[in-house]
Amino acid sequence: MSRGKKLDLFIGAEIEDGWAKVESPRKSSISQEILEPQKHQLFFKKEKRRGKVVTLVGEFCLDESQNTALLKKIKKSLGCGGTSKEGWMEFQGDIKERLRELLVEEGFRFKPKH
């Protein structure tokens, strides 16, 4: 290869070659039913996002105003940031035990071994 010439490489497939985007239905559906705190069966998930730990708890079946009020109260008690997405509450940090105490005080239950 001489100096000054570019090497032309093409790797991959194009959509026009018969490839199609696969869209599968959602595995679980989000329940629109509003439940009392005693009827919830919550559990925790822990994820890493951009190197930071995020604690997820859910799935909540509350209306929007109750969900925002509960989220605001918990964030203030814990002194951390958080948000609510698709019935799950996400909190910054590994705060599983402190979060469990606050939610039990509010009347929520957890799945066994969570």
Protein backbone atom coordinates (compact mmCIF):
# COMPACT_ATOMS: atom_id res chain seq x y z
CA MET A 1 0.00 0.00 0.00
CA SER A 2 1.50 3.24 -1.08
CA ARG A 3 1.49 6.38 0.94
CA GLY A 4 -1.51 8.67 0.50
CA LYS A 5 -4.05 6.01 -0.58
CA LYS A 6 -6.90 5.13 1.72
CA LEU A 7 -7.95 1.59 2.44
CA ASP A 8 -11.66 1.06 1.75
CA LEU A 9 -13.21 -1.46 4.16
CA PHE A 10 -16.86 -2.24 4.65
CA ILE A 11 -17.91 -4.35 7.62
CA GLY A 12 -21.50 -5.10 8.52
CA ALA A 13 -24.89 -5.42 6.90
CA GLU A 14 -27.36 -2.92 5.63
CA ILE A 15 -31.07 -2.86 6.36
CA GLU A 16 -31.80 -3.08 2.64
CA ASP A 17 -30.21 -6.56 2.55
CA GLY A 18 -33.32 -8.12 4.09
CA TRP A 19 -32.61 -7.32 7.72
CA ALA A 20 -35.53 -6.13 9.82
CA LYS A 21 -35.91 -4.75 13.30
CA VAL A 22 -37.39 -7.33 15.67
CA GLU A 23 -40.02 -5.94 17.99
CA SER A 24 -41.17 -8.39 20.62
CA PRO A 25 -44.08 -7.69 22.93
CA ARG A 26 -43.36 -6.71 26.51
CA LYS A 27 -42.86 -9.71 28.80
CA SER A 28 -44.79 -8.19 31.68
CA SER A 29 -47.58 -5.73 31.48
CA ILE A 30 -47.85 -2.77 33.79
CA SER A 31 -50.93 -3.07 35.92
CA GLN A 32 -53.22 -0.05 35.88
CA GLU A 33 -54.96 -1.21 39.07
CA ILE A 34 -54.33 0.99 42.12
CA LEU A 35 -53.53 -1.06 45.23
CA GLU A 36 -53.38 -0.24 48.93
CA PRO A 37 -49.90 -0.27 50.50
CA GLN A 38 -50.65 -3.53 52.37
CA LYS A 39 -51.34 -5.37 49.10
CA HIS A 40 -48.02 -4.48 47.45
CA GLN A 41 -45.30 -7.12 47.15
CA LEU A 42 -42.16 -5.05 46.64
CA PHE A 43 -38.61 -6.19 45.98
CA PHE A 44 -35.23 -4.61 45.40
CA LYS A 45 -32.87 -4.51 42.43
CA LYS A 46 -29.38 -3.09 42.41
CA GLU A 47 -27.84 -1.74 39.20
CA LYS A 48 -24.73 0.16 38.25
CA ARG A 49 -25.11 3.19 36.05
CA ARG A 50 -22.03 5.06 34.94
CA GLY A 51 -20.07 3.40 37.74
CA LYS A 52 -22.52 4.45 40.48
CA VAL A 53 -24.88 2.15 42.40
CA VAL A 54 -28.63 2.66 41.98
CA THR A 55 -31.23 0.95 44.19
CA LEU A 56 -34.55 0.15 42.53
CA VAL A 57 -37.66 -0.80 44.48
CA GLY A 58 -41.04 -1.73 43.05
CA GLU A 59 -43.33 -2.38 41.43
CA PHE A 60 -45.71 0.24 42.83
CA CYS A 61 -49.38 0.35 41.83
CA LEU A 62 -50.26 3.84 43.04
CA ASP A 63 -51.84 6.79 41.30
CA GLU A 64 -49.52 9.58 40.18
CA SER A 65 -50.17 11.97 43.08
CA GLN A 66 -49.62 9.29 45.75
CA ASN A 67 -46.49 8.08 43.98
CA THR A 68 -44.97 11.58 43.82
CA ALA A 69 -45.83 12.32 47.45
CA LEU A 70 -44.30 9.05 48.65
CA LEU A 71 -41.18 9.56 46.52
CA LYS A 72 -40.71 13.10 47.83
CA LYS A 73 -41.11 11.98 51.45
CA ILE A 74 -38.63 9.11 51.09
CA LYS A 75 -36.03 11.23 49.27
CA LYS A 76 -36.22 13.84 52.01
CA SER A 77 -35.84 11.22 54.76
CA LEU A 78 -32.90 9.52 53.06
CA GLY A 79 -31.20 12.68 51.87
CA CYS A 80 -30.56 11.32 48.40
CA GLY A 81 -31.79 11.80 44.87
CA GLY A 82 -34.26 9.61 43.10
CA THR A 83 -36.94 9.30 40.46
CA SER A 84 -39.96 7.21 39.53
CA LYS A 85 -40.17 5.38 36.19
CA GLU A 86 -42.74 2.83 34.99
CA GLY A 87 -43.89 1.91 38.50
CA TRP A 88 -40.34 1.60 39.91
CA MET A 89 -38.63 4.04 42.24
CA GLU A 90 -34.91 4.58 41.69
CA PHE A 91 -32.65 5.94 44.42
CA GLN A 92 -29.02 6.96 44.27
CA GLY A 93 -26.70 4.76 46.32
CA ASP A 94 -26.86 1.39 48.06
CA ILE A 95 -29.57 2.17 50.63
CA LYS A 96 -31.59 -1.05 50.73
CA GLU A 97 -31.87 -1.41 54.53
CA ARG A 98 -32.77 2.23 55.25
CA LEU A 99 -35.26 2.22 52.39
CA ARG A 100 -36.89 -0.99 53.66
CA GLU A 101 -37.44 0.57 57.11
CA LEU A 102 -39.12 3.65 55.66
CA LEU A 103 -41.41 1.65 53.37
CA VAL A 104 -42.44 -0.74 56.16
CA GLU A 105 -43.38 2.29 58.28
CA GLU A 106 -45.61 3.43 55.38
CA GLY A 107 -47.35 0.01 55.40
CA PHE A 108 -45.73 -1.67 52.37
CA ARG A 109 -44.74 -5.35 52.35
CA PHE A 110 -41.84 -7.11 50.66
CA LYS A 111 -41.47 -10.46 48.98
CA PRO A 112 -39.76 -13.06 51.19
CA LYS A 113 -35.95 -13.03 51.15
CA HIS A 114 -35.80 -9.50 49.69
